[in-house]
Amino acid sequence: MDYLQVLINAIVVALMAMYVYEIERKMGKMSTKHDLTEKELDALKIVSKLLKSNEKGSALYKVTYIRWGKAKCDGPSTETIYSGQVGGGLFDHSGTSVNYICLPNEPDIAQPLKLYEYYSYLYGAEYELSDSNKPQGIRSGIGNHDVACAACLAKEKYHQS
């Protein structure tokens, strides 16, 4: 059995274990402290689907990346996994993340959010520009709009000249 098939089998076993875990948790046998969100399950299903879709002779390695400022991925053999909005910590909160992340437009929240004084929170980013102070080359009317992003999958090498 080649290593691709072993990897696919491992992912399928992991998905089945996660399914059993979710059933037991819903029946009250597991602590909700260790909940897995539906997004994590969906991500594993996507990875499993992508690995199964590999044909003999096709490239095994594919690349994922974030396209900042755009809602869709472009380029040959490129697919949009999901579109979203740029998010991160608030600029004046201590302990927040320095890096931006691409948040999905419709997140799955496993539990209601609780407000705690010493927790860091995620906020959506937006353009803070008015037409009077925008840099040259930036289109008009983007002030106070969300900053788009997209998670992309490049299925093969691509070089833009």
Protein backbone atom coordinates (compact mmCIF):
# COMPACT_ATOMS: atom_id res chain seq x y z
CA MET A 1 0.00 0.00 0.00
CA ASP A 2 1.51 3.33 -0.98
CA TYR A 3 1.86 6.19 1.48
CA LEU A 4 -1.03 8.17 -0.08
CA GLN A 5 -3.46 5.34 0.66
CA VAL A 6 -2.09 5.03 4.22
CA LEU A 7 -2.62 8.77 4.71
CA ILE A 8 -6.18 8.59 3.35
CA ASN A 9 -6.96 5.65 5.64
CA ALA A 10 -5.56 7.55 8.64
CA ILE A 11 -7.73 10.55 7.86
CA VAL A 12 -10.84 8.37 7.48
CA VAL A 13 -10.10 6.69 10.84
CA ALA A 14 -9.62 10.11 12.45
CA LEU A 15 -12.93 11.33 11.03
CA MET A 16 -14.71 8.24 12.34
CA ALA A 17 -13.17 8.76 15.79
CA MET A 18 -14.28 12.39 15.76
CA TYR A 19 -17.81 11.28 14.79
CA VAL A 20 -17.94 8.82 17.71
CA TYR A 21 -16.56 11.53 20.01
CA GLU A 22 -19.31 13.95 18.92
CA ILE A 23 -22.04 11.33 19.47
CA GLU A 24 -20.72 10.54 22.96
CA ARG A 25 -20.37 14.23 23.79
CA LYS A 26 -23.93 14.90 22.69
CA MET A 27 -25.06 12.06 24.94
CA GLY A 28 -23.34 13.78 27.86
CA LYS A 29 -20.47 11.30 28.28
CA MET A 30 -17.73 13.76 27.31
CA SER A 31 -16.82 17.14 28.74
CA THR A 32 -17.86 20.11 26.64
CA LYS A 33 -14.47 21.59 27.50
CA HIS A 34 -12.98 19.57 24.62
CA ASP A 35 -15.62 20.32 21.99
CA LEU A 36 -14.67 20.23 18.35
CA THR A 37 -16.37 22.69 16.07
CA GLU A 38 -18.11 21.76 12.87
CA LYS A 39 -15.53 23.83 10.97
CA GLU A 40 -12.73 21.52 12.11
CA LEU A 41 -14.71 18.52 10.94
CA ASP A 42 -15.46 20.25 7.63
CA ALA A 43 -11.78 21.08 7.16
CA LEU A 44 -10.81 17.44 7.70
CA LYS A 45 -13.49 16.35 5.23
CA ILE A 46 -12.12 18.79 2.65
CA VAL A 47 -8.57 17.48 3.16
CA SER A 48 -9.79 13.90 2.86
CA LYS A 49 -11.75 14.75 -0.30
CA LEU A 50 -8.74 16.49 -1.85
CA LEU A 51 -6.45 13.57 -1.08
CA LYS A 52 -8.93 11.09 -2.54
CA SER A 53 -9.27 13.18 -5.70
CA ASN A 54 -5.57 12.79 -6.55
CA GLU A 55 -5.17 10.73 -9.69
CA LYS A 56 -2.12 8.69 -10.59
CA GLY A 57 0.49 10.90 -12.12
CA SER A 58 -0.94 14.11 -10.68
CA ALA A 59 1.00 16.24 -8.22
CA LEU A 60 0.66 14.96 -4.66
CA TYR A 61 1.56 18.24 -3.02
CA LYS A 62 -0.85 21.14 -3.24
CA VAL A 63 -0.46 24.54 -1.67
CA THR A 64 -2.95 26.52 0.39
CA TYR A 65 -2.57 30.23 0.87
CA ILE A 66 -4.60 33.30 1.86
CA ARG A 67 -5.50 35.91 -0.75
CA TRP A 68 -5.69 39.22 1.15
CA GLY A 69 -8.05 41.94 -0.11
CA LYS A 70 -9.94 39.67 -2.53
CA ALA A 71 -13.01 37.48 -2.02
CA LYS A 72 -12.03 34.89 -4.65
CA CYS A 73 -8.89 33.12 -5.77
CA ASP A 74 -7.70 33.47 -9.34
CA GLY A 75 -5.21 31.71 -11.53
CA PRO A 76 -5.24 28.42 -13.39
CA SER A 77 -5.90 25.30 -11.31
CA THR A 78 -6.76 27.40 -8.25
CA GLU A 79 -9.88 26.93 -6.16
CA THR A 80 -11.48 29.07 -3.44
CA ILE A 81 -11.88 27.00 -0.26
CA TYR A 82 -13.82 29.76 1.51
CA SER A 83 -14.25 33.52 1.40
CA GLY A 84 -14.17 35.66 4.47
CA GLN A 85 -13.03 38.78 6.20
CA VAL A 86 -9.67 39.76 7.66
CA GLY A 87 -9.65 39.68 11.46
CA GLY A 88 -7.30 40.04 14.38
CA GLY A 89 -6.83 41.65 17.75
CA LEU A 90 -7.81 45.23 18.52
CA PHE A 91 -4.85 47.59 18.18
CA ASP A 92 -5.01 48.89 21.76
CA HIS A 93 -5.70 45.60 23.59
CA SER A 94 -2.72 43.96 25.25
CA GLY A 95 -2.07 40.28 24.61
CA THR A 96 -3.70 40.19 21.19
CA SER A 97 -2.34 38.51 18.10
CA VAL A 98 0.02 40.38 15.84
CA ASN A 99 -0.87 38.35 12.75
CA TYR A 100 -4.07 38.75 10.79
CA ILE A 101 -6.24 35.74 10.05
CA CYS A 102 -8.88 35.07 7.42
CA LEU A 103 -12.16 34.58 9.30
CA PRO A 104 -15.03 32.81 7.51
CA ASN A 105 -18.07 34.94 6.68
CA GLU A 106 -20.37 32.56 8.56
CA PRO A 107 -18.43 31.11 11.51
CA ASP A 108 -19.70 28.16 13.52
CA ILE A 109 -19.74 29.06 17.19
CA ALA A 110 -19.82 25.95 19.35
CA GLN A 111 -20.81 27.84 22.49
CA PRO A 112 -22.17 31.32 23.14
CA LEU A 113 -19.43 33.86 23.65
CA LYS A 114 -18.79 34.86 27.26
CA LEU A 115 -17.23 38.19 28.10
CA TYR A 116 -14.20 37.92 30.35
CA GLU A 117 -12.06 40.85 31.36
CA TYR A 118 -8.67 39.27 30.61
CA TYR A 119 -9.42 37.46 27.36
CA SER A 120 -8.28 38.61 23.93
CA TYR A 121 -10.97 38.88 21.29
CA LEU A 122 -11.02 38.77 17.51
CA TYR A 123 -12.38 41.70 15.54
CA GLY A 124 -13.09 42.07 11.85
CA ALA A 125 -10.85 44.51 9.99
CA GLU A 126 -12.25 47.31 7.87
CA TYR A 127 -10.83 50.00 5.66
CA GLU A 128 -10.60 53.32 7.52
CA LEU A 129 -10.35 55.73 4.61
CA SER A 130 -12.33 58.68 3.44
CA ASP A 131 -12.22 59.95 -0.11
CA SER A 132 -10.32 63.02 1.09
CA ASN A 133 -7.39 61.09 2.63
CA LYS A 134 -7.12 57.99 0.45
CA PRO A 135 -3.81 57.24 -1.27
CA GLN A 136 -3.59 57.67 -5.01
CA GLY A 137 -4.57 54.53 -6.92
CA ILE A 138 -7.10 53.34 -4.31
CA ARG A 139 -10.69 53.30 -5.53
CA SER A 140 -13.29 55.60 -3.96
CA GLY A 141 -15.92 54.46 -1.48
CA ILE A 142 -14.06 51.67 0.32
CA GLY A 143 -13.97 53.45 3.68
CA ASN A 144 -15.65 51.54 6.54
CA HIS A 145 -16.00 48.38 4.42
CA ASP A 146 -14.75 44.96 5.55
CA VAL A 147 -11.37 43.78 4.24
CA ALA A 148 -12.00 40.66 2.16
CA CYS A 149 -9.87 37.54 2.12
CA ALA A 150 -10.06 34.07 0.62
CA ALA A 151 -8.47 30.74 1.50
CA CYS A 152 -7.09 29.31 -1.74
CA LEU A 153 -5.89 25.93 -2.97
CA ALA A 154 -3.34 25.86 -5.79
CA LYS A 155 -3.49 22.43 -7.39
CA GLU A 156 -0.31 22.79 -9.42
CA LYS A 157 2.66 25.07 -9.90
CA TYR A 158 1.86 28.38 -11.52
CA HIS A 159 4.23 31.15 -12.55
CA GLN A 160 2.90 34.52 -13.59
CA SER A 161 5.13 36.42 -16.02
